[in-house]
């Protein structure tokens, strides 16, 4: 029996949900924890959510760039929401990282 790969398209509602999460959750924590909104504060907030168990975050250097991978078991819809959230957070500090995703992970290069 062949396995079918689920095709989930980024619906506008999922993208809006990811943006709203970024603006209400980590965005409000960053000034409280770090005193400012900066790339370090963004990563600190993402690490905090990793400790809570929303995903497993792994950081490394690849091709001279910083890279963060977010592994989760919540399916492709969650990947879409996470991508929108991460894009929104990095846009707050004027960065446009390269983001790739699968049904169970999101990778960010910045």
PDB file of N, CA and C in Angstrom:
ATOM      1  N   UNK A   1       0.836  -1.169   0.000  1.00  0.00           N
ATOM      2  CA  UNK A   1       0.000   0.000   0.000  1.00  0.00           C
ATOM      3  C   UNK A   1       0.887   1.241   0.000  1.00  0.00           C
ATOM      4  N   UNK A   2       0.587   2.160  -0.888  1.00  0.00           N
ATOM      5  CA  UNK A   2       1.354   3.398  -0.986  1.00  0.00           C
ATOM      6  C   UNK A   2       0.938   4.378   0.096  1.00  0.00           C
ATOM      7  N   UNK A   3       1.953   5.070   0.621  1.00  0.00           N
ATOM      8  CA  UNK A   3       1.651   6.137   1.572  1.00  0.00           C
ATOM      9  C   UNK A   3       1.345   7.405   0.791  1.00  0.00           C
ATOM     10  N   UNK A   4       0.304   8.103   1.209  1.00  0.00           N
ATOM     11  CA  UNK A   4      -0.025   9.377   0.581  1.00  0.00           C
ATOM     12  C   UNK A   4       0.516  10.502   1.433  1.00  0.00           C
ATOM     13  N   UNK A   5       1.158  11.416   0.789  1.00  0.00           N
ATOM     14  CA  UNK A   5       1.683  12.576   1.485  1.00  0.00           C
ATOM     15  C   UNK A   5       0.589  13.646   1.539  1.00  0.00           C
ATOM     16  N   UNK A   6       0.332  14.142   2.713  1.00  0.00           N
ATOM     17  CA  UNK A   6      -0.702  15.158   2.871  1.00  0.00           C
ATOM     18  C   UNK A   6      -0.248  16.471   2.256  1.00  0.00           C
ATOM     19  N   UNK A   7      -1.089  17.046   1.454  1.00  0.00           N
ATOM     20  CA  UNK A   7      -0.817  18.345   0.860  1.00  0.00           C
ATOM     21  C   UNK A   7      -1.620  19.392   1.615  1.00  0.00           C
ATOM     22  N   UNK A   8      -0.942  20.243   2.319  1.00  0.00           N
ATOM     23  CA  UNK A   8      -1.612  21.301   3.059  1.00  0.00           C
ATOM     24  C   UNK A   8      -1.112  22.626   2.518  1.00  0.00           C
ATOM     25  N   UNK A   9      -2.041  23.428   2.067  1.00  0.00           N
ATOM     26  CA  UNK A   9      -1.684  24.722   1.490  1.00  0.00           C
ATOM     27  C   UNK A   9      -1.815  25.815   2.539  1.00  0.00           C
ATOM     28  N   UNK A  10      -0.952  26.814   2.460  1.00  0.00           N
ATOM     29  CA  UNK A  10      -0.996  27.895   3.453  1.00  0.00           C
ATOM     30  C   UNK A  10      -2.226  28.780   3.268  1.00  0.00           C
ATOM     31  N   UNK A  11      -3.293  28.420   3.923  1.00  0.00           N
ATOM     32  CA  UNK A  11      -4.511  29.222   3.864  1.00  0.00           C
ATOM     33  C   UNK A  11      -4.269  30.554   4.560  1.00  0.00           C
ATOM     34  N   UNK A  12      -4.923  31.611   4.074  1.00  0.00           N
ATOM     35  CA  UNK A  12      -4.763  32.920   4.720  1.00  0.00           C
ATOM     36  C   UNK A  12      -5.089  32.902   6.216  1.00  0.00           C
ATOM     37  N   UNK A  13      -6.042  32.078   6.623  1.00  0.00           N
ATOM     38  CA  UNK A  13      -6.398  32.033   8.044  1.00  0.00           C
ATOM     39  C   UNK A  13      -5.256  31.484   8.893  1.00  0.00           C
ATOM     40  N   UNK A  14      -4.506  30.510   8.382  1.00  0.00           N
ATOM     41  CA  UNK A  14      -3.369  29.960   9.123  1.00  0.00           C
ATOM     42  C   UNK A  14      -2.234  30.978   9.207  1.00  0.00           C
ATOM     43  N   UNK A  15      -2.028  31.703   8.122  1.00  0.00           N
ATOM     44  CA  UNK A  15      -0.985  32.720   8.114  1.00  0.00           C
ATOM     45  C   UNK A  15      -1.350  33.840   9.087  1.00  0.00           C
ATOM     46  N   UNK A  16      -2.611  34.261   9.091  1.00  0.00           N
ATOM     47  CA  UNK A  16      -3.050  35.298  10.039  1.00  0.00           C
ATOM     48  C   UNK A  16      -2.886  34.825  11.475  1.00  0.00           C
ATOM     49  N   UNK A  17      -3.188  33.551  11.725  1.00  0.00           N
ATOM     50  CA  UNK A  17      -3.040  33.004  13.070  1.00  0.00           C
ATOM     51  C   UNK A  17      -1.577  33.051  13.511  1.00  0.00           C
ATOM     52  N   UNK A  18      -0.656  32.685  12.635  1.00  0.00           N
ATOM     53  CA  UNK A  18       0.767  32.740  12.957  1.00  0.00           C
ATOM     54  C   UNK A  18       1.238  34.156  13.240  1.00  0.00           C
ATOM     55  N   UNK A  19       0.763  35.106  12.427  1.00  0.00           N
ATOM     56  CA  UNK A  19       1.135  36.510  12.656  1.00  0.00           C
ATOM     57  C   UNK A  19       0.577  37.014  13.983  1.00  0.00           C
ATOM     58  N   UNK A  20      -0.679  36.665  14.266  1.00  0.00           N
ATOM     59  CA  UNK A  20      -1.306  37.110  15.519  1.00  0.00           C
ATOM     60  C   UNK A  20      -0.571  36.526  16.721  1.00  0.00           C
ATOM     61  N   UNK A  21      -0.171  35.256  16.614  1.00  0.00           N
ATOM     62  CA  UNK A  21       0.582  34.630  17.698  1.00  0.00           C
ATOM     63  C   UNK A  21       1.894  35.370  17.938  1.00  0.00           C
ATOM     64  N   UNK A  22       2.585  35.715  16.858  1.00  0.00           N
ATOM     65  CA  UNK A  22       3.868  36.410  16.986  1.00  0.00           C
ATOM     66  C   UNK A  22       3.703  37.770  17.650  1.00  0.00           C
ATOM     67  N   UNK A  23       2.615  38.449  17.348  1.00  0.00           N
ATOM     68  CA  UNK A  23       2.412  39.790  17.888  1.00  0.00           C
ATOM     69  C   UNK A  23       1.901  39.775  19.327  1.00  0.00           C
ATOM     70  N   UNK A  24       1.237  38.707  19.746  1.00  0.00           N
ATOM     71  CA  UNK A  24       0.675  38.692  21.093  1.00  0.00           C
ATOM     72  C   UNK A  24       1.519  37.896  22.087  1.00  0.00           C
ATOM     73  N   UNK A  25       2.253  36.921  21.609  1.00  0.00           N
ATOM     74  CA  UNK A  25       3.033  36.073  22.511  1.00  0.00           C
ATOM     75  C   UNK A  25       4.457  36.554  22.677  1.00  0.00           C
ATOM     76  N   UNK A  26       5.359  36.091  21.822  1.00  0.00           N
ATOM     77  CA  UNK A  26       6.770  36.442  21.972  1.00  0.00           C
ATOM     78  C   UNK A  26       7.029  37.940  21.902  1.00  0.00           C
ATOM     79  N   UNK A  27       6.273  38.655  21.069  1.00  0.00           N
ATOM     80  CA  UNK A  27       6.501  40.086  20.915  1.00  0.00           C
ATOM     81  C   UNK A  27       6.312  40.833  22.232  1.00  0.00           C
ATOM     82  N   UNK A  28       5.398  40.373  23.051  1.00  0.00           N
ATOM     83  CA  UNK A  28       5.189  41.032  24.337  1.00  0.00           C
ATOM     84  C   UNK A  28       6.175  40.542  25.395  1.00  0.00           C
ATOM     85  N   UNK A  29       6.742  39.358  25.223  1.00  0.00           N
ATOM     86  CA  UNK A  29       7.721  38.832  26.177  1.00  0.00           C
ATOM     87  C   UNK A  29       9.121  39.417  25.984  1.00  0.00           C
ATOM     88  N   UNK A  30       9.468  39.722  24.751  1.00  0.00           N
ATOM     89  CA  UNK A  30      10.835  40.161  24.461  1.00  0.00           C
ATOM     90  C   UNK A  30      11.259  41.386  25.263  1.00  0.00           C
ATOM     91  N   UNK A  31      10.471  42.470  25.256  1.00  0.00           N
ATOM     92  CA  UNK A  31      10.905  43.623  26.055  1.00  0.00           C
ATOM     93  C   UNK A  31      10.985  43.307  27.551  1.00  0.00           C
ATOM     94  N   UNK A  32      10.117  42.438  28.017  1.00  0.00           N
ATOM     95  CA  UNK A  32      10.129  42.093  29.439  1.00  0.00           C
ATOM     96  C   UNK A  32      11.370  41.279  29.811  1.00  0.00           C
ATOM     97  N   UNK A  33      11.800  40.366  28.936  1.00  0.00           N
ATOM     98  CA  UNK A  33      12.936  39.503  29.254  1.00  0.00           C
ATOM     99  C   UNK A  33      14.273  40.138  28.878  1.00  0.00           C
ATOM    100  N   UNK A  34      14.342  40.845  27.746  1.00  0.00           N
ATOM    101  CA  UNK A  34      15.615  41.360  27.238  1.00  0.00           C
ATOM    102  C   UNK A  34      15.707  42.885  27.229  1.00  0.00           C
ATOM    103  N   UNK A  35      14.587  43.567  27.460  1.00  0.00           N
ATOM    104  CA  UNK A  35      14.606  45.021  27.452  1.00  0.00           C
ATOM    105  C   UNK A  35      14.466  45.651  26.084  1.00  0.00           C
ATOM    106  N   UNK A  36      14.426  44.828  25.035  1.00  0.00           N
ATOM    107  CA  UNK A  36      14.304  45.347  23.671  1.00  0.00           C
ATOM    108  C   UNK A  36      13.845  44.236  22.730  1.00  0.00           C
ATOM    109  N   UNK A  37      13.482  44.628  21.523  1.00  0.00           N
ATOM    110  CA  UNK A  37      13.163  43.660  20.478  1.00  0.00           C
ATOM    111  C   UNK A  37      14.378  43.623  19.555  1.00  0.00           C
ATOM    112  N   UNK A  38      15.089  42.507  19.565  1.00  0.00           N
ATOM    113  CA  UNK A  38      16.314  42.340  18.782  1.00  0.00           C
ATOM    114  C   UNK A  38      16.392  40.887  18.310  1.00  0.00           C
ATOM    115  N   UNK A  39      17.314  40.592  17.398  1.00  0.00           N
ATOM    116  CA  UNK A  39      17.459  39.190  16.981  1.00  0.00           C
ATOM    117  C   UNK A  39      17.729  38.251  18.160  1.00  0.00           C
ATOM    118  N   UNK A  40      18.553  38.684  19.113  1.00  0.00           N
ATOM    119  CA  UNK A  40      18.823  37.848  20.289  1.00  0.00           C
ATOM    120  C   UNK A  40      17.561  37.633  21.116  1.00  0.00           C
ATOM    121  N   UNK A  41      16.748  38.681  21.244  1.00  0.00           N
ATOM    122  CA  UNK A  41      15.500  38.565  22.002  1.00  0.00           C
ATOM    123  C   UNK A  41      14.524  37.621  21.303  1.00  0.00           C
ATOM    124  N   UNK A  42      14.500  37.662  19.969  1.00  0.00           N
ATOM    125  CA  UNK A  42      13.642  36.753  19.204  1.00  0.00           C
ATOM    126  C   UNK A  42      14.062  35.313  19.471  1.00  0.00           C
ATOM    127  N   UNK A  43      15.357  35.039  19.364  1.00  0.00           N
ATOM    128  CA  UNK A  43      15.852  33.679  19.594  1.00  0.00           C
ATOM    129  C   UNK A  43      15.611  33.239  21.034  1.00  0.00           C
ATOM    130  N   UNK A  44      15.750  34.153  21.967  1.00  0.00           N
ATOM    131  CA  UNK A  44      15.478  33.840  23.363  1.00  0.00           C
ATOM    132  C   UNK A  44      14.013  33.426  23.552  1.00  0.00           C
ATOM    133  N   UNK A  45      13.105  34.150  22.913  1.00  0.00           N
ATOM    134  CA  UNK A  45      11.683  33.807  23.003  1.00  0.00           C
ATOM    135  C   UNK A  45      11.401  32.450  22.359  1.00  0.00           C
ATOM    136  N   UNK A  46      12.027  32.201  21.219  1.00  0.00           N
ATOM    137  CA  UNK A  46      11.827  30.912  20.547  1.00  0.00           C
ATOM    138  C   UNK A  46      12.397  29.773  21.384  1.00  0.00           C
ATOM    139  N   UNK A  47      13.522  30.010  22.050  1.00  0.00           N
ATOM    140  CA  UNK A  47      14.088  28.991  22.956  1.00  0.00           C
ATOM    141  C   UNK A  47      13.138  28.716  24.125  1.00  0.00           C
ATOM    142  N   UNK A  48      12.516  29.770  24.635  1.00  0.00           N
ATOM    143  CA  UNK A  48      11.572  29.621  25.743  1.00  0.00           C
ATOM    144  C   UNK A  48      10.410  28.713  25.347  1.00  0.00           C
ATOM    145  N   UNK A  49       9.857  28.938  24.153  1.00  0.00           N
ATOM    146  CA  UNK A  49       8.751  28.088  23.699  1.00  0.00           C
ATOM    147  C   UNK A  49       9.217  26.656  23.444  1.00  0.00           C
ATOM    148  N   UNK A  50      10.486  26.490  23.105  1.00  0.00           N
ATOM    149  CA  UNK A  50      11.034  25.144  22.951  1.00  0.00           C
ATOM    150  C   UNK A  50      11.045  24.421  24.291  1.00  0.00           C
ATOM    151  N   UNK A  51      11.410  25.148  25.350  1.00  0.00           N
ATOM    152  CA  UNK A  51      11.436  24.542  26.687  1.00  0.00           C
ATOM    153  C   UNK A  51      10.037  24.159  27.165  1.00  0.00           C
ATOM    154  N   UNK A  52       9.037  24.899  26.711  1.00  0.00           N
ATOM    155  CA  UNK A  52       7.652  24.604  27.084  1.00  0.00           C
ATOM    156  C   UNK A  52       7.175  23.328  26.381  1.00  0.00           C
ATOM    157  N   UNK A  53       7.786  23.003  25.254  1.00  0.00           N
ATOM    158  CA  UNK A  53       7.458  21.756  24.576  1.00  0.00           C
ATOM    159  C   UNK A  53       6.667  21.897  23.293  1.00  0.00           C
ATOM    160  N   UNK A  54       6.562  23.119  22.752  1.00  0.00           N
ATOM    161  CA  UNK A  54       5.832  23.292  21.497  1.00  0.00           C
ATOM    162  C   UNK A  54       6.591  22.690  20.328  1.00  0.00           C
ATOM    163  N   UNK A  55       7.911  22.677  20.447  1.00  0.00           N
ATOM    164  CA  UNK A  55       8.782  22.109  19.427  1.00  0.00           C
ATOM    165  C   UNK A  55      10.144  21.898  20.067  1.00  0.00           C
ATOM    166  N   UNK A  56      11.017  21.230  19.351  1.00  0.00           N
ATOM    167  CA  UNK A  56      12.397  21.055  19.791  1.00  0.00           C
ATOM    168  C   UNK A  56      13.254  21.959  18.905  1.00  0.00           C
ATOM    169  N   UNK A  57      13.995  22.874  19.518  1.00  0.00           N
ATOM    170  CA  UNK A  57      14.797  23.839  18.764  1.00  0.00           C
ATOM    171  C   UNK A  57      16.260  23.438  18.797  1.00  0.00           C
ATOM    172  N   UNK A  58      16.884  23.441  17.625  1.00  0.00           N
ATOM    173  CA  UNK A  58      18.300  23.110  17.492  1.00  0.00           C
ATOM    174  C   UNK A  58      18.976  24.236  16.724  1.00  0.00           C
ATOM    175  N   UNK A  59      20.117  24.706  17.218  1.00  0.00           N
ATOM    176  CA  UNK A  59      20.832  25.801  16.572  1.00  0.00           C
ATOM    177  C   UNK A  59      22.208  25.332  16.107  1.00  0.00           C
ATOM    178  N   UNK A  60      22.650  25.886  14.967  1.00  0.00           N
ATOM    179  CA  UNK A  60      23.955  25.535  14.415  1.00  0.00           C
ATOM    180  C   UNK A  60      24.378  26.607  13.423  1.00  0.00           C
ATOM    181  N   UNK A  61      25.612  26.485  12.927  1.00  0.00           N
ATOM    182  CA  UNK A  61      26.090  27.335  11.840  1.00  0.00           C
ATOM    183  C   UNK A  61      26.157  26.480  10.587  1.00  0.00           C
ATOM    184  N   UNK A  62      25.671  27.041   9.485  1.00  0.00           N
ATOM    185  CA  UNK A  62      25.704  26.317   8.217  1.00  0.00           C
ATOM    186  C   UNK A  62      26.032  27.310   7.114  1.00  0.00           C
ATOM    187  N   UNK A  63      27.053  27.017   6.342  1.00  0.00           N
ATOM    188  CA  UNK A  63      27.501  27.892   5.256  1.00  0.00           C
ATOM    189  C   UNK A  63      27.753  29.318   5.733  1.00  0.00           C
ATOM    190  N   UNK A  64      28.304  29.454   6.930  1.00  0.00           N
ATOM    191  CA  UNK A  64      28.607  30.762   7.471  1.00  0.00           C
ATOM    192  C   UNK A  64      27.417  31.530   8.019  1.00  0.00           C
ATOM    193  N   UNK A  65      26.266  30.905   8.037  1.00  0.00           N
ATOM    194  CA  UNK A  65      25.057  31.554   8.547  1.00  0.00           C
ATOM    195  C   UNK A  65      24.568  30.831   9.787  1.00  0.00           C
ATOM    196  N   UNK A  66      23.884  31.570  10.656  1.00  0.00           N
ATOM    197  CA  UNK A  66      23.238  30.948  11.807  1.00  0.00           C
ATOM    198  C   UNK A  66      22.006  30.215  11.299  1.00  0.00           C
ATOM    199  N   UNK A  67      21.720  29.090  11.907  1.00  0.00           N
ATOM    200  CA  UNK A  67      20.594  28.266  11.472  1.00  0.00           C
ATOM    201  C   UNK A  67      19.873  27.736  12.709  1.00  0.00           C
ATOM    202  N   UNK A  68      18.559  27.754  12.672  1.00  0.00           N
ATOM    203  CA  UNK A  68      17.754  27.186  13.751  1.00  0.00           C
ATOM    204  C   UNK A  68      16.724  26.253  13.138  1.00  0.00           C
ATOM    205  N   UNK A  69      16.619  25.066  13.700  1.00  0.00           N
ATOM    206  CA  UNK A  69      15.639  24.089  13.226  1.00  0.00           C
ATOM    207  C   UNK A  69      14.624  23.836  14.340  1.00  0.00           C
ATOM    208  N   UNK A  70      13.372  23.806  13.967  1.00  0.00           N
ATOM    209  CA  UNK A  70      12.278  23.583  14.908  1.00  0.00           C
ATOM    210  C   UNK A  70      11.580  22.288  14.505  1.00  0.00           C
ATOM    211  N   UNK A  71      11.739  21.249  15.319  1.00  0.00           N
ATOM    212  CA  UNK A  71      11.158  19.938  15.035  1.00  0.00           C
ATOM    213  C   UNK A  71       9.902  19.794  15.893  1.00  0.00           C
ATOM    214  N   UNK A  72       8.812  19.369  15.283  1.00  0.00           N
ATOM    215  CA  UNK A  72       7.555  19.215  16.021  1.00  0.00           C
ATOM    216  C   UNK A  72       6.781  18.011  15.477  1.00  0.00           C
ATOM    217  N   UNK A  73       5.815  17.585  16.200  1.00  0.00           N
ATOM    218  CA  UNK A  73       4.984  16.461  15.768  1.00  0.00           C
ATOM    219  C   UNK A  73       3.530  16.858  15.602  1.00  0.00           C
ATOM    220  N   UNK A  74       3.303  18.125  15.270  1.00  0.00           N
ATOM    221  CA  UNK A  74       1.942  18.642  15.220  1.00  0.00           C
ATOM    222  C   UNK A  74       1.356  18.744  13.816  1.00  0.00           C
ATOM    223  N   UNK A  75       2.090  18.287  12.822  1.00  0.00           N
ATOM    224  CA  UNK A  75       1.555  18.236  11.463  1.00  0.00           C
ATOM    225  C   UNK A  75       1.849  19.452  10.609  1.00  0.00           C
ATOM    226  N   UNK A  76       1.486  19.339   9.327  1.00  0.00           N
ATOM    227  CA  UNK A  76       1.819  20.383   8.360  1.00  0.00           C
ATOM    228  C   UNK A  76       1.112  21.715   8.620  1.00  0.00           C
ATOM    229  N   UNK A  77      -0.064  21.697   9.193  1.00  0.00           N
ATOM    230  CA  UNK A  77      -0.767  22.956   9.479  1.00  0.00           C
ATOM    231  C   UNK A  77       0.016  23.777  10.501  1.00  0.00           C
ATOM    232  N   UNK A  78       0.594  23.107  11.488  1.00  0.00           N
ATOM    233  CA  UNK A  78       1.385  23.808  12.497  1.00  0.00           C
ATOM    234  C   UNK A  78       2.645  24.400  11.864  1.00  0.00           C
ATOM    235  N   UNK A  79       3.228  23.707  10.889  1.00  0.00           N
ATOM    236  CA  UNK A  79       4.407  24.248  10.202  1.00  0.00           C
ATOM    237  C   UNK A  79       4.066  25.576   9.529  1.00  0.00           C
ATOM    238  N   UNK A  80       2.899  25.656   8.911  1.00  0.00           N
ATOM    239  CA  UNK A  80       2.478  26.886   8.240  1.00  0.00           C
ATOM    240  C   UNK A  80       2.334  28.017   9.259  1.00  0.00           C
ATOM    241  N   UNK A  81       1.716  27.720  10.389  1.00  0.00           N
ATOM    242  CA  UNK A  81       1.530  28.724  11.435  1.00  0.00           C
ATOM    243  C   UNK A  81       2.881  29.164  12.000  1.00  0.00           C
ATOM    244  N   UNK A  82       3.782  28.207  12.223  1.00  0.00           N
ATOM    245  CA  UNK A  82       5.101  28.517  12.766  1.00  0.00           C
ATOM    246  C   UNK A  82       5.918  29.371  11.801  1.00  0.00           C
ATOM    247  N   UNK A  83       5.861  29.075  10.507  1.00  0.00           N
ATOM    248  CA  UNK A  83       6.573  29.874   9.500  1.00  0.00           C
ATOM    249  C   UNK A  83       6.070  31.317   9.522  1.00  0.00           C
ATOM    250  N   UNK A  84       4.755  31.507   9.531  1.00  0.00           N
ATOM    251  CA  UNK A  84       4.188  32.861   9.551  1.00  0.00           C
ATOM    252  C   UNK A  84       4.602  33.607  10.816  1.00  0.00           C
ATOM    253  N   UNK A  85       4.615  32.896  11.930  1.00  0.00           N
ATOM    254  CA  UNK A  85       5.004  33.513  13.194  1.00  0.00           C
ATOM    255  C   UNK A  85       6.469  33.941  13.177  1.00  0.00           C
ATOM    256  N   UNK A  86       7.346  33.070  12.703  1.00  0.00           N
ATOM    257  CA  UNK A  86       8.785  33.379  12.661  1.00  0.00           C
ATOM    258  C   UNK A  86       9.060  34.527  11.693  1.00  0.00           C
ATOM    259  N   UNK A  87       8.404  34.534  10.523  1.00  0.00           N
ATOM    260  CA  UNK A  87       8.582  35.635   9.573  1.00  0.00           C
ATOM    261  C   UNK A  87       8.192  36.965  10.217  1.00  0.00           C
ATOM    262  N   UNK A  88       7.079  36.965  10.935  1.00  0.00           N
ATOM    263  CA  UNK A  88       6.598  38.184  11.581  1.00  0.00           C
ATOM    264  C   UNK A  88       7.580  38.658  12.648  1.00  0.00           C
ATOM    265  N   UNK A  89       8.092  37.730  13.446  1.00  0.00           N
ATOM    266  CA  UNK A  89       9.047  38.108  14.489  1.00  0.00           C
ATOM    267  C   UNK A  89      10.314  38.722  13.899  1.00  0.00           C
ATOM    268  N   UNK A  90      10.882  38.089  12.885  1.00  0.00           N
ATOM    269  CA  UNK A  90      12.105  38.610  12.295  1.00  0.00           C
ATOM    270  C   UNK A  90      11.857  39.917  11.540  1.00  0.00           C
ATOM    271  N   UNK A  91      10.662  40.102  10.990  1.00  0.00           N
ATOM    272  CA  UNK A  91      10.333  41.363  10.314  1.00  0.00           C
ATOM    273  C   UNK A  91      10.334  42.531  11.300  1.00  0.00           C
ATOM    274  N   UNK A  92      10.057  42.240  12.569  1.00  0.00           N
ATOM    275  CA  UNK A  92      10.073  43.278  13.612  1.00  0.00           C
ATOM    276  C   UNK A  92      11.439  43.952  13.717  1.00  0.00           C
ATOM    277  N   UNK A  93      12.502  43.230  13.395  1.00  0.00           N
ATOM    278  CA  UNK A  93      13.856  43.796  13.478  1.00  0.00           C
ATOM    279  C   UNK A  93      14.471  44.000  12.092  1.00  0.00           C
ATOM    280  N   UNK A  94      13.641  43.931  11.059  1.00  0.00           N
ATOM    281  CA  UNK A  94      14.103  44.206   9.699  1.00  0.00           C
ATOM    282  C   UNK A  94      14.869  43.091   9.025  1.00  0.00           C
ATOM    283  N   UNK A  95      14.726  41.868   9.499  1.00  0.00           N
ATOM    284  CA  UNK A  95      15.417  40.725   8.884  1.00  0.00           C
ATOM    285  C   UNK A  95      14.446  39.876   8.080  1.00  0.00           C
ATOM    286  N   UNK A  96      14.948  39.325   6.971  1.00  0.00           N
ATOM    287  CA  UNK A  96      14.153  38.405   6.159  1.00  0.00           C
ATOM    288  C   UNK A  96      14.937  37.101   6.015  1.00  0.00           C
ATOM    289  N   UNK A  97      14.806  36.206   6.988  1.00  0.00           N
ATOM    290  CA  UNK A  97      15.582  34.958   6.938  1.00  0.00           C
ATOM    291  C   UNK A  97      15.047  34.007   5.867  1.00  0.00           C
ATOM    292  N   UNK A  98      15.919  33.106   5.459  1.00  0.00           N
ATOM    293  CA  UNK A  98      15.498  32.041   4.545  1.00  0.00           C
ATOM    294  C   UNK A  98      14.810  30.981   5.403  1.00  0.00           C
ATOM    295  N   UNK A  99      13.562  30.658   5.071  1.00  0.00           N
ATOM    296  CA  UNK A  99      12.789  29.701   5.862  1.00  0.00           C
ATOM    297  C   UNK A  99      12.308  28.576   4.953  1.00  0.00           C
ATOM    298  N   UNK A 100      12.570  27.352   5.381  1.00  0.00           N
ATOM    299  CA  UNK A 100      12.050  26.179   4.681  1.00  0.00           C
ATOM    300  C   UNK A 100      11.279  25.339   5.696  1.00  0.00           C
ATOM    301  N   UNK A 101      10.285  24.608   5.200  1.00  0.00           N
ATOM    302  CA  UNK A 101       9.498  23.801   6.127  1.00  0.00           C
ATOM    303  C   UNK A 101       9.075  22.484   5.502  1.00  0.00           C
ATOM    304  N   UNK A 102       8.789  21.532   6.373  1.00  0.00           N
ATOM    305  CA  UNK A 102       8.215  20.247   5.990  1.00  0.00           C
ATOM    306  C   UNK A 102       7.006  20.020   6.887  1.00  0.00           C
ATOM    307  N   UNK A 103       6.420  18.848   6.829  1.00  0.00           N
ATOM    308  CA  UNK A 103       5.253  18.558   7.661  1.00  0.00           C
ATOM    309  C   UNK A 103       5.598  18.475   9.145  1.00  0.00           C
ATOM    310  N   UNK A 104       6.895  18.333   9.479  1.00  0.00           N
ATOM    311  CA  UNK A 104       7.257  18.181  10.892  1.00  0.00           C
ATOM    312  C   UNK A 104       8.428  19.065  11.335  1.00  0.00           C
ATOM    313  N   UNK A 105       8.839  20.007  10.488  1.00  0.00           N
ATOM    314  CA  UNK A 105       9.952  20.873  10.880  1.00  0.00           C
ATOM    315  C   UNK A 105       9.938  22.191  10.132  1.00  0.00           C
ATOM    316  N   UNK A 106      10.599  23.169  10.724  1.00  0.00           N
ATOM    317  CA  UNK A 106      10.823  24.467  10.092  1.00  0.00           C
ATOM    318  C   UNK A 106      12.289  24.810  10.310  1.00  0.00           C
ATOM    319  N   UNK A 107      12.980  25.227   9.249  1.00  0.00           N
ATOM    320  CA  UNK A 107      14.385  25.594   9.347  1.00  0.00           C
ATOM    321  C   UNK A 107      14.533  27.058   8.952  1.00  0.00           C
ATOM    322  N   UNK A 108      15.273  27.805   9.760  1.00  0.00           N
ATOM    323  CA  UNK A 108      15.470  29.236   9.532  1.00  0.00           C
ATOM    324  C   UNK A 108      16.961  29.516   9.430  1.00  0.00           C
ATOM    325  N   UNK A 109      17.366  30.182   8.339  1.00  0.00           N
ATOM    326  CA  UNK A 109      18.759  30.616   8.180  1.00  0.00           C
ATOM    327  C   UNK A 109      18.769  32.134   8.170  1.00  0.00           C
ATOM    328  N   UNK A 110      19.625  32.723   8.995  1.00  0.00           N
ATOM    329  CA  UNK A 110      19.669  34.191   9.102  1.00  0.00           C
ATOM    330  C   UNK A 110      21.099  34.669   9.223  1.00  0.00           C
TER     331      UNK A 110
END
